[in-house]
């Protein structure tokens, strides 16, 4: 079940959201796509607390990761547009490194929270982080 959960929840959702996220970024604009995709995430983070049904948790996780990863094409395009042409490569490299840093440090922080706090606290922290991401995306210039 764990393998299916992460393959469908992260792998499949990410796989299926990248091209639509890029299309939205081209049609709606980079900022609007990021705001649209991030907006439901604070609520989705808390919804995990209201079910213990595997399928419902999986569907929430698929929606969460699909929406989050739909921001990736928009954010990469945004970075290339605001960066000087002579520095675009390094700026995209910094962005991708920051993403990988999150994938590296995030599970460590999650493990610490899991070991030291109750389960609701973890999802409330996630919700706060997603709300912070939404606020940051609202501050971007289009």
N, C-alpha and C. Protein backbone atom coordinates (compact mmCIF):
# COMPACT_ATOMS: atom_id res chain seq x y z
N UNK A 1 0.81 -1.21 0.00
CA UNK A 1 0.00 0.00 0.00
C UNK A 1 0.85 1.27 0.00
N UNK A 2 1.97 1.25 0.70
CA UNK A 2 2.82 2.44 0.75
C UNK A 2 3.38 2.76 -0.63
N UNK A 3 3.83 1.73 -1.35
CA UNK A 3 4.36 1.94 -2.69
C UNK A 3 3.31 2.51 -3.63
N UNK A 4 2.10 1.97 -3.59
CA UNK A 4 1.01 2.48 -4.42
C UNK A 4 0.69 3.92 -4.04
N UNK A 5 0.68 4.18 -2.74
CA UNK A 5 0.36 5.53 -2.26
C UNK A 5 1.32 6.56 -2.85
N UNK A 6 2.61 6.30 -2.75
CA UNK A 6 3.57 7.29 -3.22
C UNK A 6 3.71 7.29 -4.74
N UNK A 7 3.55 6.13 -5.39
CA UNK A 7 3.60 6.11 -6.85
C UNK A 7 2.44 6.88 -7.45
N UNK A 8 1.24 6.65 -6.93
CA UNK A 8 0.07 7.36 -7.45
C UNK A 8 0.03 8.79 -6.95
N UNK A 9 0.27 8.95 -5.66
CA UNK A 9 0.14 10.26 -5.04
C UNK A 9 1.19 11.25 -5.50
N UNK A 10 2.41 10.80 -5.60
CA UNK A 10 3.46 11.73 -6.01
C UNK A 10 3.82 11.53 -7.48
N UNK A 11 4.18 10.32 -7.84
CA UNK A 11 4.64 10.07 -9.20
C UNK A 11 3.59 10.37 -10.26
N UNK A 12 2.44 9.74 -10.16
CA UNK A 12 1.40 9.90 -11.17
C UNK A 12 0.83 11.32 -11.17
N UNK A 13 0.55 11.85 -9.98
CA UNK A 13 -0.02 13.20 -9.90
C UNK A 13 0.94 14.23 -10.49
N UNK A 14 2.21 14.10 -10.18
CA UNK A 14 3.21 15.01 -10.72
C UNK A 14 3.33 14.85 -12.24
N UNK A 15 3.38 13.61 -12.68
CA UNK A 15 3.47 13.30 -14.10
C UNK A 15 2.31 13.92 -14.88
N UNK A 16 1.11 13.80 -14.34
CA UNK A 16 -0.08 14.28 -15.04
C UNK A 16 -0.31 15.79 -14.93
N UNK A 17 0.34 16.45 -14.00
CA UNK A 17 0.07 17.87 -13.79
C UNK A 17 1.07 18.81 -14.46
N UNK A 18 2.20 18.31 -14.89
CA UNK A 18 3.24 19.20 -15.42
C UNK A 18 2.83 19.90 -16.72
N UNK A 19 2.35 19.16 -17.69
CA UNK A 19 1.97 19.78 -18.97
C UNK A 19 0.75 20.68 -18.80
N UNK A 20 -0.32 20.22 -18.12
CA UNK A 20 -1.43 21.16 -17.88
C UNK A 20 -1.00 22.41 -17.11
N UNK A 21 -0.09 22.24 -16.16
CA UNK A 21 0.43 23.40 -15.43
C UNK A 21 1.15 24.37 -16.35
N UNK A 22 1.91 23.84 -17.29
CA UNK A 22 2.59 24.68 -18.27
C UNK A 22 1.63 25.38 -19.21
N UNK A 23 0.59 24.65 -19.64
CA UNK A 23 -0.43 25.25 -20.51
C UNK A 23 -1.14 26.39 -19.78
N UNK A 24 -1.52 26.14 -18.52
CA UNK A 24 -2.16 27.20 -17.73
C UNK A 24 -1.25 28.40 -17.57
N UNK A 25 0.03 28.15 -17.34
CA UNK A 25 0.99 29.26 -17.18
C UNK A 25 1.06 30.10 -18.44
N UNK A 26 1.00 29.45 -19.60
CA UNK A 26 1.04 30.19 -20.86
C UNK A 26 -0.27 30.93 -21.14
N UNK A 27 -1.40 30.35 -20.74
CA UNK A 27 -2.70 30.97 -21.02
C UNK A 27 -3.11 32.01 -19.98
N UNK A 28 -2.95 31.67 -18.70
CA UNK A 28 -3.40 32.55 -17.62
C UNK A 28 -2.32 33.50 -17.13
N UNK A 29 -1.09 33.10 -17.31
CA UNK A 29 0.04 33.84 -16.75
C UNK A 29 0.66 33.04 -15.62
N UNK A 30 1.92 33.33 -15.35
CA UNK A 30 2.68 32.56 -14.35
C UNK A 30 2.11 32.76 -12.95
N UNK A 31 1.91 34.01 -12.56
CA UNK A 31 1.43 34.30 -11.21
C UNK A 31 0.04 33.71 -10.98
N UNK A 32 -0.88 33.93 -11.90
CA UNK A 32 -2.25 33.41 -11.73
C UNK A 32 -2.25 31.89 -11.61
N UNK A 33 -1.42 31.22 -12.38
CA UNK A 33 -1.35 29.76 -12.30
C UNK A 33 -0.84 29.33 -10.94
N UNK A 34 0.18 30.00 -10.43
CA UNK A 34 0.70 29.65 -9.11
C UNK A 34 -0.34 29.90 -8.03
N UNK A 35 -1.00 31.06 -8.08
CA UNK A 35 -2.02 31.38 -7.07
C UNK A 35 -3.18 30.38 -7.16
N UNK A 36 -3.65 30.10 -8.36
CA UNK A 36 -4.74 29.14 -8.57
C UNK A 36 -4.38 27.76 -8.03
N UNK A 37 -3.18 27.32 -8.30
CA UNK A 37 -2.76 25.97 -7.88
C UNK A 37 -2.49 25.87 -6.39
N UNK A 38 -1.98 26.92 -5.79
CA UNK A 38 -1.64 26.89 -4.37
C UNK A 38 -2.86 27.15 -3.48
N UNK A 39 -3.83 27.90 -3.96
CA UNK A 39 -4.97 28.31 -3.13
C UNK A 39 -5.66 27.18 -2.36
N UNK A 40 -5.91 26.02 -2.96
CA UNK A 40 -6.60 24.96 -2.21
C UNK A 40 -5.71 24.22 -1.20
N UNK A 41 -4.41 24.41 -1.28
CA UNK A 41 -3.49 23.58 -0.50
C UNK A 41 -3.59 23.75 1.02
N UNK A 42 -3.78 24.96 1.55
CA UNK A 42 -3.95 25.04 3.01
C UNK A 42 -5.14 24.21 3.50
N UNK A 43 -6.25 24.25 2.76
CA UNK A 43 -7.42 23.47 3.14
C UNK A 43 -7.18 21.97 2.96
N UNK A 44 -6.60 21.59 1.83
CA UNK A 44 -6.32 20.17 1.59
C UNK A 44 -5.41 19.60 2.68
N UNK A 45 -4.48 20.41 3.17
CA UNK A 45 -3.57 19.96 4.24
C UNK A 45 -4.33 19.55 5.48
N UNK A 46 -5.36 20.30 5.82
CA UNK A 46 -6.15 20.02 7.03
C UNK A 46 -7.13 18.87 6.79
N UNK A 47 -7.58 18.68 5.56
CA UNK A 47 -8.54 17.61 5.27
C UNK A 47 -8.00 16.23 5.62
N UNK A 48 -6.68 16.06 5.57
CA UNK A 48 -6.09 14.78 5.96
C UNK A 48 -6.53 14.36 7.36
N UNK A 49 -6.80 15.33 8.22
CA UNK A 49 -7.14 15.05 9.62
C UNK A 49 -8.54 14.48 9.80
N UNK A 50 -9.38 14.61 8.79
CA UNK A 50 -10.78 14.23 8.95
C UNK A 50 -11.13 12.88 8.36
N UNK A 51 -10.15 12.12 7.98
CA UNK A 51 -10.43 10.79 7.45
C UNK A 51 -9.30 9.83 7.80
N UNK A 52 -9.67 8.59 7.96
CA UNK A 52 -8.65 7.55 8.09
C UNK A 52 -8.86 6.50 6.99
N UNK A 53 -9.71 6.83 6.02
CA UNK A 53 -9.97 5.95 4.89
C UNK A 53 -8.81 6.07 3.90
N UNK A 54 -8.17 4.96 3.61
CA UNK A 54 -6.99 4.94 2.73
C UNK A 54 -7.27 5.61 1.39
N UNK A 55 -8.39 5.27 0.77
CA UNK A 55 -8.69 5.80 -0.56
C UNK A 55 -8.90 7.32 -0.51
N UNK A 56 -9.57 7.81 0.52
CA UNK A 56 -9.80 9.25 0.65
C UNK A 56 -8.47 9.97 0.88
N UNK A 57 -7.63 9.42 1.74
CA UNK A 57 -6.30 10.01 1.97
C UNK A 57 -5.50 10.03 0.67
N UNK A 58 -5.56 8.94 -0.08
CA UNK A 58 -4.85 8.87 -1.36
C UNK A 58 -5.36 9.94 -2.33
N UNK A 59 -6.67 10.11 -2.41
CA UNK A 59 -7.23 11.12 -3.31
C UNK A 59 -6.84 12.54 -2.90
N UNK A 60 -6.84 12.80 -1.59
CA UNK A 60 -6.39 14.11 -1.11
C UNK A 60 -4.92 14.32 -1.47
N UNK A 61 -4.12 13.28 -1.28
CA UNK A 61 -2.68 13.37 -1.59
C UNK A 61 -2.45 13.59 -3.08
N UNK A 62 -3.21 12.90 -3.92
CA UNK A 62 -3.09 13.09 -5.37
C UNK A 62 -3.44 14.53 -5.74
N UNK A 63 -4.55 15.03 -5.19
CA UNK A 63 -4.94 16.42 -5.48
C UNK A 63 -3.88 17.39 -4.99
N UNK A 64 -3.39 17.17 -3.77
CA UNK A 64 -2.39 18.06 -3.18
C UNK A 64 -1.12 18.09 -4.03
N UNK A 65 -0.56 16.93 -4.33
CA UNK A 65 0.70 16.91 -5.08
C UNK A 65 0.51 17.34 -6.53
N UNK A 66 -0.64 17.02 -7.11
CA UNK A 66 -0.91 17.47 -8.47
C UNK A 66 -0.98 18.98 -8.57
N UNK A 67 -1.69 19.59 -7.62
CA UNK A 67 -1.79 21.05 -7.62
C UNK A 67 -0.44 21.70 -7.33
N UNK A 68 0.28 21.16 -6.36
CA UNK A 68 1.58 21.75 -6.03
C UNK A 68 2.54 21.65 -7.21
N UNK A 69 2.57 20.48 -7.84
CA UNK A 69 3.52 20.32 -8.95
C UNK A 69 3.08 21.09 -10.19
N UNK A 70 1.81 21.45 -10.28
CA UNK A 70 1.37 22.29 -11.40
C UNK A 70 1.99 23.68 -11.34
N UNK A 71 2.51 24.06 -10.18
CA UNK A 71 3.18 25.36 -10.06
C UNK A 71 4.60 25.33 -10.64
N UNK A 72 5.17 24.15 -10.79
CA UNK A 72 6.57 24.06 -11.20
C UNK A 72 6.85 24.67 -12.57
N UNK A 73 6.06 24.34 -13.61
CA UNK A 73 6.34 24.99 -14.90
C UNK A 73 6.17 26.51 -14.83
N UNK A 74 5.15 26.96 -14.11
CA UNK A 74 4.91 28.40 -13.99
C UNK A 74 6.04 29.09 -13.25
N UNK A 75 6.51 28.48 -12.17
CA UNK A 75 7.58 29.12 -11.40
C UNK A 75 8.90 29.12 -12.16
N UNK A 76 9.16 28.06 -12.90
CA UNK A 76 10.39 28.03 -13.70
C UNK A 76 10.32 29.07 -14.81
N UNK A 77 9.17 29.16 -15.48
CA UNK A 77 9.01 30.17 -16.53
C UNK A 77 9.12 31.58 -15.93
N UNK A 78 8.54 31.77 -14.76
CA UNK A 78 8.60 33.08 -14.10
C UNK A 78 10.05 33.47 -13.82
N UNK A 79 10.81 32.53 -13.31
CA UNK A 79 12.22 32.81 -13.00
C UNK A 79 12.99 33.17 -14.26
N UNK A 80 12.75 32.45 -15.34
CA UNK A 80 13.48 32.76 -16.57
C UNK A 80 13.08 34.13 -17.11
N UNK A 81 11.84 34.53 -16.91
CA UNK A 81 11.39 35.84 -17.41
C UNK A 81 11.95 37.01 -16.60
N UNK A 82 12.12 36.83 -15.30
CA UNK A 82 12.60 37.95 -14.49
C UNK A 82 14.12 37.99 -14.36
N UNK A 83 14.78 36.94 -14.82
CA UNK A 83 16.24 36.87 -14.72
C UNK A 83 16.89 37.47 -15.96
N UNK A 84 18.03 38.13 -15.78
CA UNK A 84 18.78 38.60 -16.96
C UNK A 84 19.17 37.39 -17.82
N UNK A 85 19.17 37.57 -19.12
CA UNK A 85 19.45 36.44 -20.01
C UNK A 85 20.78 35.77 -19.72
N UNK A 86 21.74 36.54 -19.24
CA UNK A 86 23.07 35.98 -18.95
C UNK A 86 23.07 35.14 -17.66
N UNK A 87 21.99 35.19 -16.89
CA UNK A 87 21.96 34.48 -15.60
C UNK A 87 20.80 33.49 -15.49
N UNK A 88 20.08 33.26 -16.56
CA UNK A 88 18.91 32.38 -16.51
C UNK A 88 19.26 30.96 -16.11
N UNK A 89 20.33 30.44 -16.64
CA UNK A 89 20.73 29.07 -16.32
C UNK A 89 21.00 28.90 -14.83
N UNK A 90 21.76 29.80 -14.26
CA UNK A 90 22.09 29.70 -12.84
C UNK A 90 20.85 29.90 -11.98
N UNK A 91 19.96 30.80 -12.40
CA UNK A 91 18.76 31.06 -11.60
C UNK A 91 17.83 29.84 -11.61
N UNK A 92 17.68 29.19 -12.76
CA UNK A 92 16.89 27.95 -12.80
C UNK A 92 17.58 26.88 -11.96
N UNK A 93 18.91 26.84 -12.02
CA UNK A 93 19.66 25.89 -11.19
C UNK A 93 19.44 26.13 -9.70
N UNK A 94 19.40 27.39 -9.30
CA UNK A 94 19.13 27.72 -7.89
C UNK A 94 17.71 27.28 -7.52
N UNK A 95 16.75 27.52 -8.39
CA UNK A 95 15.37 27.11 -8.13
C UNK A 95 15.27 25.60 -7.97
N UNK A 96 15.87 24.86 -8.88
CA UNK A 96 15.82 23.40 -8.81
C UNK A 96 16.57 22.86 -7.59
N UNK A 97 17.67 23.51 -7.23
CA UNK A 97 18.41 23.12 -6.03
C UNK A 97 17.55 23.35 -4.79
N UNK A 98 16.84 24.46 -4.76
CA UNK A 98 15.96 24.75 -3.62
C UNK A 98 14.86 23.70 -3.50
N UNK A 99 14.31 23.27 -4.64
CA UNK A 99 13.29 22.20 -4.62
C UNK A 99 13.89 20.93 -4.04
N UNK A 100 15.06 20.55 -4.51
CA UNK A 100 15.69 19.32 -4.02
C UNK A 100 16.09 19.45 -2.56
N UNK A 101 16.47 20.64 -2.13
CA UNK A 101 16.76 20.86 -0.72
C UNK A 101 15.50 20.60 0.11
N UNK A 102 14.36 21.06 -0.40
CA UNK A 102 13.10 20.79 0.29
C UNK A 102 12.80 19.31 0.37
N UNK A 103 13.06 18.58 -0.71
CA UNK A 103 12.84 17.13 -0.70
C UNK A 103 13.82 16.42 0.23
N UNK A 104 14.95 17.02 0.48
CA UNK A 104 15.96 16.43 1.37
C UNK A 104 15.67 16.76 2.83
N UNK A 105 15.41 18.02 3.10
CA UNK A 105 15.21 18.47 4.48
C UNK A 105 13.78 18.23 4.96
N UNK A 106 12.82 18.32 4.05
CA UNK A 106 11.41 18.16 4.41
C UNK A 106 11.10 16.87 5.17
N UNK A 107 11.54 15.71 4.67
CA UNK A 107 11.28 14.48 5.42
C UNK A 107 11.95 14.46 6.79
N UNK A 108 13.10 15.09 6.92
CA UNK A 108 13.75 15.16 8.23
C UNK A 108 12.91 15.99 9.20
N UNK A 109 12.42 17.12 8.72
CA UNK A 109 11.56 17.96 9.55
C UNK A 109 10.26 17.23 9.87
N UNK A 110 9.69 16.58 8.86
CA UNK A 110 8.47 15.80 9.08
C UNK A 110 8.68 14.70 10.11
N UNK A 111 9.81 14.01 10.03
CA UNK A 111 10.12 12.97 11.01
C UNK A 111 10.26 13.53 12.41
N UNK A 112 10.91 14.68 12.51
CA UNK A 112 11.05 15.33 13.82
C UNK A 112 9.68 15.69 14.38
N UNK A 113 8.83 16.30 13.54
CA UNK A 113 7.49 16.66 13.99
C UNK A 113 6.70 15.41 14.40
N UNK A 114 6.81 14.35 13.61
CA UNK A 114 6.10 13.10 13.89
C UNK A 114 6.52 12.51 15.24
N UNK A 115 7.81 12.57 15.52
CA UNK A 115 8.33 12.01 16.77
C UNK A 115 8.04 12.88 17.99
N UNK A 116 7.83 14.17 17.80
CA UNK A 116 7.75 15.09 18.93
C UNK A 116 6.41 15.80 19.11
N UNK A 117 5.51 15.65 18.17
CA UNK A 117 4.22 16.35 18.26
C UNK A 117 3.10 15.41 17.89
N UNK A 118 1.88 15.81 18.19
CA UNK A 118 0.75 14.98 17.79
C UNK A 118 0.48 15.16 16.29
N UNK A 119 -0.23 14.21 15.71
CA UNK A 119 -0.46 14.20 14.27
C UNK A 119 -1.14 15.48 13.77
N UNK A 120 -2.17 15.99 14.44
CA UNK A 120 -2.78 17.22 13.92
C UNK A 120 -1.79 18.38 13.77
N UNK A 121 -0.84 18.49 14.68
CA UNK A 121 0.14 19.57 14.61
C UNK A 121 0.89 19.53 13.28
N UNK A 122 1.25 18.35 12.83
CA UNK A 122 1.99 18.20 11.58
C UNK A 122 1.20 18.78 10.41
N UNK A 123 -0.08 18.46 10.35
CA UNK A 123 -0.89 18.93 9.24
C UNK A 123 -1.25 20.41 9.37
N UNK A 124 -1.33 20.91 10.59
CA UNK A 124 -1.53 22.35 10.78
C UNK A 124 -0.28 23.12 10.35
N UNK A 125 0.89 22.59 10.65
CA UNK A 125 2.15 23.21 10.20
C UNK A 125 2.19 23.22 8.67
N UNK A 126 1.82 22.10 8.05
CA UNK A 126 1.77 22.03 6.59
C UNK A 126 0.81 23.08 6.04
N UNK A 127 -0.35 23.21 6.66
CA UNK A 127 -1.33 24.19 6.21
C UNK A 127 -0.77 25.62 6.32
N UNK A 128 -0.08 25.90 7.40
CA UNK A 128 0.53 27.23 7.57
C UNK A 128 1.60 27.47 6.51
N UNK A 129 2.40 26.46 6.22
CA UNK A 129 3.42 26.60 5.17
C UNK A 129 2.79 26.84 3.80
N UNK A 130 1.70 26.14 3.53
CA UNK A 130 1.02 26.34 2.24
C UNK A 130 0.37 27.72 2.18
N UNK A 131 -0.19 28.20 3.29
CA UNK A 131 -0.75 29.55 3.33
C UNK A 131 0.35 30.58 3.11
N UNK A 132 1.52 30.34 3.68
CA UNK A 132 2.67 31.23 3.47
C UNK A 132 3.09 31.24 2.01
N UNK A 133 3.07 30.08 1.38
CA UNK A 133 3.39 30.00 -0.05
C UNK A 133 2.38 30.77 -0.88
N UNK A 134 1.11 30.67 -0.50
CA UNK A 134 0.07 31.42 -1.20
C UNK A 134 0.30 32.92 -1.06
N UNK A 135 0.59 33.37 0.14
CA UNK A 135 0.86 34.79 0.35
C UNK A 135 2.07 35.25 -0.47
N UNK A 136 3.12 34.45 -0.49
CA UNK A 136 4.31 34.79 -1.27
C UNK A 136 3.96 34.88 -2.76
N UNK A 137 3.15 33.96 -3.25
CA UNK A 137 2.80 33.99 -4.67
C UNK A 137 1.93 35.21 -5.00
N UNK A 138 1.11 35.63 -4.05
CA UNK A 138 0.29 36.83 -4.27
C UNK A 138 1.14 38.10 -4.37
N UNK A 139 2.32 38.08 -3.79
CA UNK A 139 3.21 39.24 -3.81
C UNK A 139 4.04 39.35 -5.10
N UNK A 140 4.03 38.30 -5.91
CA UNK A 140 4.80 38.32 -7.16
C UNK A 140 4.23 39.35 -8.12
N UNK A 141 5.11 39.93 -8.92
CA UNK A 141 4.67 40.84 -9.98
C UNK A 141 4.35 39.99 -11.20
N UNK A 142 3.32 40.34 -11.93
CA UNK A 142 2.97 39.58 -13.13
C UNK A 142 3.74 40.12 -14.32
